Amino acid sequence: MTPMQRNICEPGTIVLAKAGREAGMYFLVTALDGAELLLADGNRRKIENPKRKNPAHVQATKQTLSLEGLTDKALRAVLNPMNEKAKRPLSKQNQIR
């Protein structure tokens, strides 16, 4: 197994973003596009319009979901409690507002 293959997750895997402005948030891998993952959270990133992310910037969890018939509402119901627990502190700009 090469180092690049080690980080690639299967569609349906829930992952934790480790880098970028969404670091600390959970997403669902909806598909693989070459060496990149396509991620959705059902809220900001819908299943129809997933976010591209480098596999090295996410950490896979042991949780998986079936993509068959999955809606954004059902995805939010699963991920929102996880994201609430992992809430990161607001930046100084957001604390002023």
C-alpha atoms as a PDB file:
ATOM      1  CA  MET A   1       0.000   0.000   0.000  1.00  0.00           C
ATOM      2  CA  THR A   2       1.428   3.353  -1.024  1.00  0.00           C
ATOM      3  CA  PRO A   3       1.169   6.418   1.259  1.00  0.00           C
ATOM      4  CA  MET A   4      -1.462   7.980  -1.023  1.00  0.00           C
ATOM      5  CA  GLN A   5      -3.728   4.908  -0.865  1.00  0.00           C
ATOM      6  CA  ARG A   6      -3.571   4.877   2.930  1.00  0.00           C
ATOM      7  CA  ASN A   7      -5.593   8.115   3.193  1.00  0.00           C
ATOM      8  CA  ILE A   8      -8.273   7.348   0.605  1.00  0.00           C
ATOM      9  CA  CYS A   9     -11.673   6.595   2.125  1.00  0.00           C
ATOM     10  CA  GLU A  10     -14.589   4.752   0.587  1.00  0.00           C
ATOM     11  CA  PRO A  11     -17.818   6.588  -0.304  1.00  0.00           C
ATOM     12  CA  GLY A  12     -20.151   6.520   2.687  1.00  0.00           C
ATOM     13  CA  THR A  13     -17.382   7.027   5.273  1.00  0.00           C
ATOM     14  CA  ILE A  14     -17.733   9.847   7.789  1.00  0.00           C
ATOM     15  CA  VAL A  15     -14.515  11.863   8.045  1.00  0.00           C
ATOM     16  CA  LEU A  16     -13.167  14.651  10.256  1.00  0.00           C
ATOM     17  CA  ALA A  17     -11.618  17.635   8.455  1.00  0.00           C
ATOM     18  CA  LYS A  18      -8.154  18.349   9.864  1.00  0.00           C
ATOM     19  CA  ALA A  19      -7.212  21.354   7.707  1.00  0.00           C
ATOM     20  CA  GLY A  20      -8.846  24.394   6.177  1.00  0.00           C
ATOM     21  CA  ARG A  21     -11.552  26.698   7.456  1.00  0.00           C
ATOM     22  CA  GLU A  22     -13.795  23.719   8.178  1.00  0.00           C
ATOM     23  CA  ALA A  23     -11.191  21.967  10.381  1.00  0.00           C
ATOM     24  CA  GLY A  24     -12.888  20.148  13.220  1.00  0.00           C
ATOM     25  CA  MET A  25     -16.106  19.478  11.281  1.00  0.00           C
ATOM     26  CA  TYR A  26     -17.452  16.106  10.205  1.00  0.00           C
ATOM     27  CA  PHE A  27     -18.369  15.325   6.588  1.00  0.00           C
ATOM     28  CA  LEU A  28     -19.581  12.358   4.564  1.00  0.00           C
ATOM     29  CA  VAL A  29     -17.506  11.102   1.633  1.00  0.00           C
ATOM     30  CA  THR A  30     -19.972  11.064  -1.260  1.00  0.00           C
ATOM     31  CA  ALA A  31     -17.537  10.022  -4.006  1.00  0.00           C
ATOM     32  CA  LEU A  32     -13.915   9.807  -5.076  1.00  0.00           C
ATOM     33  CA  ASP A  33     -12.656  12.007  -7.902  1.00  0.00           C
ATOM     34  CA  GLY A  34      -9.197  10.888  -8.875  1.00  0.00           C
ATOM     35  CA  ALA A  35      -7.006  11.535  -5.845  1.00  0.00           C
ATOM     36  CA  GLU A  36      -9.561  13.849  -4.168  1.00  0.00           C
ATOM     37  CA  LEU A  37     -12.555  13.183  -1.965  1.00  0.00           C
ATOM     38  CA  LEU A  38     -15.956  14.773  -2.506  1.00  0.00           C
ATOM     39  CA  LEU A  39     -17.469  15.713   0.875  1.00  0.00           C
ATOM     40  CA  ALA A  40     -20.956  16.831   1.931  1.00  0.00           C
ATOM     41  CA  ASP A  41     -22.435  17.855   5.276  1.00  0.00           C
ATOM     42  CA  GLY A  42     -26.048  18.416   4.180  1.00  0.00           C
ATOM     43  CA  ASN A  43     -25.909  22.000   5.395  1.00  0.00           C
ATOM     44  CA  ARG A  44     -23.373  24.261   3.698  1.00  0.00           C
ATOM     45  CA  ARG A  45     -22.305  21.522   1.301  1.00  0.00           C
ATOM     46  CA  LYS A  46     -25.258  19.627  -0.138  1.00  0.00           C
ATOM     47  CA  ILE A  47     -25.010  16.111  -1.523  1.00  0.00           C
ATOM     48  CA  GLU A  48     -25.565  17.480  -5.049  1.00  0.00           C
ATOM     49  CA  ASN A  49     -22.729  20.036  -4.660  1.00  0.00           C
ATOM     50  CA  PRO A  50     -19.964  18.380  -2.610  1.00  0.00           C
ATOM     51  CA  LYS A  51     -16.687  19.969  -1.550  1.00  0.00           C
ATOM     52  CA  ARG A  52     -13.381  18.717  -2.986  1.00  0.00           C
ATOM     53  CA  LYS A  53     -10.812  17.850  -0.327  1.00  0.00           C
ATOM     54  CA  ASN A  54      -7.351  16.342  -0.313  1.00  0.00           C
ATOM     55  CA  PRO A  55      -7.441  12.961   1.487  1.00  0.00           C
ATOM     56  CA  ALA A  56      -4.389  13.979   3.514  1.00  0.00           C
ATOM     57  CA  HIS A  57      -6.491  16.743   5.106  1.00  0.00           C
ATOM     58  CA  VAL A  58      -9.134  14.445   6.589  1.00  0.00           C
ATOM     59  CA  GLN A  59      -9.183  11.703   9.195  1.00  0.00           C
ATOM     60  CA  ALA A  60     -11.492   8.739   8.615  1.00  0.00           C
ATOM     61  CA  THR A  61     -13.830   7.561  11.360  1.00  0.00           C
ATOM     62  CA  LYS A  62     -15.195   4.048  11.734  1.00  0.00           C
ATOM     63  CA  GLN A  63     -18.727   5.257  11.010  1.00  0.00           C
ATOM     64  CA  THR A  64     -20.326   4.754   7.613  1.00  0.00           C
ATOM     65  CA  LEU A  65     -23.672   5.608   6.035  1.00  0.00           C
ATOM     66  CA  SER A  66     -25.447   4.124   3.059  1.00  0.00           C
ATOM     67  CA  LEU A  67     -25.570   6.639   0.214  1.00  0.00           C
ATOM     68  CA  GLU A  68     -28.618   4.994  -1.322  1.00  0.00           C
ATOM     69  CA  GLY A  69     -31.620   7.277  -0.856  1.00  0.00           C
ATOM     70  CA  LEU A  70     -29.705   9.578   1.509  1.00  0.00           C
ATOM     71  CA  THR A  71     -31.107  13.109   1.742  1.00  0.00           C
ATOM     72  CA  ASP A  72     -29.493  16.297   3.017  1.00  0.00           C
ATOM     73  CA  LYS A  73     -31.949  16.320   5.934  1.00  0.00           C
ATOM     74  CA  ALA A  74     -30.995  12.785   6.986  1.00  0.00           C
ATOM     75  CA  LEU A  75     -27.302  13.633   6.624  1.00  0.00           C
ATOM     76  CA  ARG A  76     -27.715  16.717   8.841  1.00  0.00           C
ATOM     77  CA  ALA A  77     -29.505  14.588  11.452  1.00  0.00           C
ATOM     78  CA  VAL A  78     -26.429  12.347  11.686  1.00  0.00           C
ATOM     79  CA  LEU A  79     -23.661  14.955  11.427  1.00  0.00           C
ATOM     80  CA  ASN A  80     -25.076  17.898  13.416  1.00  0.00           C
ATOM     81  CA  PRO A  81     -24.797  16.168  16.836  1.00  0.00           C
ATOM     82  CA  MET A  82     -21.225  15.173  15.989  1.00  0.00           C
ATOM     83  CA  ASN A  83     -20.367  18.724  14.907  1.00  0.00           C
ATOM     84  CA  GLU A  84     -21.955  20.216  18.041  1.00  0.00           C
ATOM     85  CA  LYS A  85     -19.670  18.102  20.233  1.00  0.00           C
ATOM     86  CA  ALA A  86     -16.647  19.133  18.183  1.00  0.00           C
ATOM     87  CA  LYS A  87     -17.482  22.851  18.112  1.00  0.00           C
ATOM     88  CA  ARG A  88     -14.323  24.827  17.702  1.00  0.00           C
ATOM     89  CA  PRO A  89     -13.903  28.236  19.302  1.00  0.00           C
ATOM     90  CA  LEU A  90     -14.975  31.204  17.253  1.00  0.00           C
ATOM     91  CA  SER A  91     -12.334  33.409  15.732  1.00  0.00           C
ATOM     92  CA  LYS A  92     -11.843  36.856  17.252  1.00  0.00           C
ATOM     93  CA  GLN A  93     -13.758  38.425  14.362  1.00  0.00           C
ATOM     94  CA  ASN A  94     -16.792  36.209  14.968  1.00  0.00           C
ATOM     95  CA  GLN A  95     -16.741  36.802  18.740  1.00  0.00           C
ATOM     96  CA  ILE A  96     -17.092  40.562  18.193  1.00  0.00           C
ATOM     97  CA  ARG A  97     -20.278  40.185  16.102  1.00  0.00           C
END
